[in-house]
Amino acid sequence: MAYTLILHVSGELPVAGEVDELPKPTDTLLVVSNPRLRDGKELHYIDNSVVKVIWPIDRITLIEVLESEEQEKIIGFVRE
């Protein structure tokens, strides 16, 4: 199952992308597919044809994990 992440890279705007598995505490690199800005726009410092980027973990200050569409369907808002 792929996870959608928002990465907060040091000195850059937050980057959204997908990973196959969440990083482990021992990982030193993070491979991100389909990197883009949070609003879906292209990153100015990455070529348009790039589909995967490898970031060193020490450049990332925060990783946010977004809910998948499957999880949203299972756990939804209930109004009483």
C-alpha atoms as a PDB file:
ATOM      1  CA  MET A   1       0.000   0.000   0.000  1.00  0.00           C
ATOM      2  CA  ALA A   2       1.401   3.395  -0.969  1.00  0.00           C
ATOM      3  CA  TYR A   3       1.411   6.244   1.532  1.00  0.00           C
ATOM      4  CA  THR A   4       1.007   9.908   0.657  1.00  0.00           C
ATOM      5  CA  LEU A   5       3.398  12.108   2.616  1.00  0.00           C
ATOM      6  CA  ILE A   6       4.072  15.785   3.072  1.00  0.00           C
ATOM      7  CA  LEU A   7       7.789  16.337   3.611  1.00  0.00           C
ATOM      8  CA  HIS A   8       9.153  19.460   5.227  1.00  0.00           C
ATOM      9  CA  VAL A   9      12.607  19.744   3.684  1.00  0.00           C
ATOM     10  CA  SER A  10      15.031  22.197   5.306  1.00  0.00           C
ATOM     11  CA  GLY A  11      14.932  25.566   3.544  1.00  0.00           C
ATOM     12  CA  GLU A  12      12.229  24.552   1.017  1.00  0.00           C
ATOM     13  CA  LEU A  13       8.454  24.630   0.725  1.00  0.00           C
ATOM     14  CA  PRO A  14       6.647  21.446   1.867  1.00  0.00           C
ATOM     15  CA  VAL A  15       6.696  18.664  -0.739  1.00  0.00           C
ATOM     16  CA  ALA A  16       3.973  16.056  -1.307  1.00  0.00           C
ATOM     17  CA  GLY A  17       4.661  12.615  -2.714  1.00  0.00           C
ATOM     18  CA  GLU A  18       4.094   8.900  -2.359  1.00  0.00           C
ATOM     19  CA  VAL A  19       6.225   6.178  -0.790  1.00  0.00           C
ATOM     20  CA  ASP A  20       5.752   2.404  -0.849  1.00  0.00           C
ATOM     21  CA  GLU A  21       6.495   2.058   2.853  1.00  0.00           C
ATOM     22  CA  LEU A  22       7.036   4.412   5.753  1.00  0.00           C
ATOM     23  CA  PRO A  23      10.654   5.143   6.696  1.00  0.00           C
ATOM     24  CA  LYS A  24      12.207   3.105   9.465  1.00  0.00           C
ATOM     25  CA  PRO A  25      14.361   4.634  12.230  1.00  0.00           C
ATOM     26  CA  THR A  26      17.471   3.120  10.621  1.00  0.00           C
ATOM     27  CA  ASP A  27      16.828   4.571   7.126  1.00  0.00           C
ATOM     28  CA  THR A  28      19.174   7.269   5.844  1.00  0.00           C
ATOM     29  CA  LEU A  29      17.398   7.954   2.531  1.00  0.00           C
ATOM     30  CA  LEU A  30      13.762   8.432   1.537  1.00  0.00           C
ATOM     31  CA  VAL A  31      12.603   7.544  -2.005  1.00  0.00           C
ATOM     32  CA  VAL A  32       9.575   9.656  -2.984  1.00  0.00           C
ATOM     33  CA  SER A  33       7.484   9.098  -6.125  1.00  0.00           C
ATOM     34  CA  ASN A  34       5.646  11.878  -7.942  1.00  0.00           C
ATOM     35  CA  PRO A  35       7.195  14.801  -5.996  1.00  0.00           C
ATOM     36  CA  ARG A  36       5.201  18.046  -6.155  1.00  0.00           C
ATOM     37  CA  LEU A  37       4.230  21.018  -4.057  1.00  0.00           C
ATOM     38  CA  ARG A  38       1.271  20.536  -1.713  1.00  0.00           C
ATOM     39  CA  ASP A  39      -1.007  22.336  -4.168  1.00  0.00           C
ATOM     40  CA  GLY A  40       0.047  19.972  -7.003  1.00  0.00           C
ATOM     41  CA  LYS A  41       2.390  22.376  -8.797  1.00  0.00           C
ATOM     42  CA  GLU A  42       5.817  21.276 -10.020  1.00  0.00           C
ATOM     43  CA  LEU A  43       8.946  21.815  -7.950  1.00  0.00           C
ATOM     44  CA  HIS A  44      11.117  24.503  -9.533  1.00  0.00           C
ATOM     45  CA  TYR A  45      14.379  22.721  -8.678  1.00  0.00           C
ATOM     46  CA  ILE A  46      13.419  19.310 -10.147  1.00  0.00           C
ATOM     47  CA  ASP A  47      13.211  18.507 -13.873  1.00  0.00           C
ATOM     48  CA  ASN A  48       9.709  17.937 -15.287  1.00  0.00           C
ATOM     49  CA  SER A  49      10.472  14.339 -16.344  1.00  0.00           C
ATOM     50  CA  VAL A  50      11.555  13.166 -12.867  1.00  0.00           C
ATOM     51  CA  VAL A  51       9.258  10.540 -11.318  1.00  0.00           C
ATOM     52  CA  LYS A  52      11.253   9.642  -8.181  1.00  0.00           C
ATOM     53  CA  VAL A  53      13.506  11.646  -5.891  1.00  0.00           C
ATOM     54  CA  ILE A  54      15.839  10.353  -3.191  1.00  0.00           C
ATOM     55  CA  TRP A  55      16.202  12.692  -0.217  1.00  0.00           C
ATOM     56  CA  PRO A  56      18.620  12.187   2.670  1.00  0.00           C
ATOM     57  CA  ILE A  57      16.642  11.867   5.904  1.00  0.00           C
ATOM     58  CA  ASP A  58      18.855  14.460   7.636  1.00  0.00           C
ATOM     59  CA  ARG A  59      17.473  17.182   5.280  1.00  0.00           C
ATOM     60  CA  ILE A  60      13.879  16.402   6.319  1.00  0.00           C
ATOM     61  CA  THR A  61      12.622  18.127   9.464  1.00  0.00           C
ATOM     62  CA  LEU A  62       9.088  16.696   9.551  1.00  0.00           C
ATOM     63  CA  ILE A  63       7.100  13.983   7.754  1.00  0.00           C
ATOM     64  CA  GLU A  64       3.294  14.129   7.683  1.00  0.00           C
ATOM     65  CA  VAL A  65       1.372  10.985   6.683  1.00  0.00           C
ATOM     66  CA  LEU A  66      -1.958  11.677   4.971  1.00  0.00           C
ATOM     67  CA  GLU A  67      -4.973   9.382   5.108  1.00  0.00           C
ATOM     68  CA  SER A  68      -5.576   7.227   2.086  1.00  0.00           C
ATOM     69  CA  GLU A  69      -8.937   7.227   0.325  1.00  0.00           C
ATOM     70  CA  GLU A  70      -9.556   3.695   1.659  1.00  0.00           C
ATOM     71  CA  GLN A  71      -9.157   4.871   5.257  1.00  0.00           C
ATOM     72  CA  GLU A  72     -11.475   7.821   4.655  1.00  0.00           C
ATOM     73  CA  LYS A  73     -14.200   5.456   3.459  1.00  0.00           C
ATOM     74  CA  ILE A  74     -13.790   3.173   6.473  1.00  0.00           C
ATOM     75  CA  ILE A  75     -13.595   5.894   9.101  1.00  0.00           C
ATOM     76  CA  GLY A  76     -15.893   8.739   8.210  1.00  0.00           C
ATOM     77  CA  PHE A  77     -17.468  11.653   9.983  1.00  0.00           C
ATOM     78  CA  VAL A  78     -20.619  10.669  11.876  1.00  0.00           C
ATOM     79  CA  ARG A  79     -23.149  13.260  12.887  1.00  0.00           C
ATOM     80  CA  GLU A  80     -25.697  12.503  15.593  1.00  0.00           C
END
